[in-house]
């Protein structure tokens, strides 16, 4: 029988210790060292316990709805999960570089592979993953040249109010230098988020085109009104192999030509496990023919990493295209079952590595971003 961790959180009375007894993944944080200058309280699990304790004591947390409390508590439990994978000694001190970015991916992978045990919906999983990704933003965004840019980007995925509460608990749940300064920065973040109009919802851009341009231009004001000079649509598919991209395209009946990297790979007789510049080069030549004529088309590939997607989105947009990203996802067990009967079998290790590096498309990445995670989708 599947379990739902959010229900278990409330049943345990928001107890990290009791929850860890049911979900051993939490113990990955045990004995993971931290820099004593900022974390004199001890290892990551000890810090996490203090964060959870401070969270449920915050007046702002007590004002939340029941589901919001459960989601935020789970985010607090896993907010530093990335440290279990990236902590190392640097110049004689413990450091965890990029632990928020790594943490987002690790949390997603844990839930995706063990959905029966955790019972989160896709939306819950991704919301918590983004809270993990951005939990340091209220403290560190002030060091950026354009702090409002980072805040508006984060607000596309999560509530700044929820982020504020998590970050405040994180700052309070430690013993070390700069603690009071961190709490002060979190409070300033709250004031600024309210000033920007993104406290509980994303910023309201004048239209989708202006929103896209804001997140892809230097020094653009979010309140600008731009002339939309786009003339045609390009659909950029994204998702793990066997997630159902071909079937989705067929069912939409859009009549758009398809640039399929998988088909090109088959034509060139290159195995799925092998990287090849020839495949991408051939695909780009096909795409350029449509781009020059300003004809709609579909780019069908996995596009698992944000950097890859952004290169393509920018390239297509330069020709005047409105790029729509469509992300598809199939359950982990279903994905593995489909691979077993696939003619061009993907080695299991390769498939697992792809899951580990997966970055779900964020709302700001293109003109429009859609997600389809229907478990009954055919391959």
Foldseek 3Di string as FASTA:
>chain_A
DFDALLVVCVVVVNQLVVSCVLPVLLCLQPPLAAFCQWFVQTTRSLLLRQLSVLLVVDPLLVPDDSSLNSLLSVLSSQLQVLSSPAWDDDPNGTDRPQSLVLSLLVQLLVCLQRVRHHVDDPLSSNLSSLLSNCLCLLQPLVVDPCSVLVVLQSLLRYALQSSLSSNLSSLRSHDHPCSVVSNVSSVVSCVVCVVQVSRGHHRDAPALVLLLVVNVDPPDDRNDDDDQQADEAEEEEAEAPQLFPVVVVVVVPPPAAELELVVLCVVVVHAPLDDDPVSVVVSVVVVVVCLVVVHYHYYDDHCFALVSLLVVQVVSVVSRYQYEYEYGGERPVVSVVVLVPDPRHDPPVSSSVSSSRGDQDGQNRGSGYYYDYDHPRGD
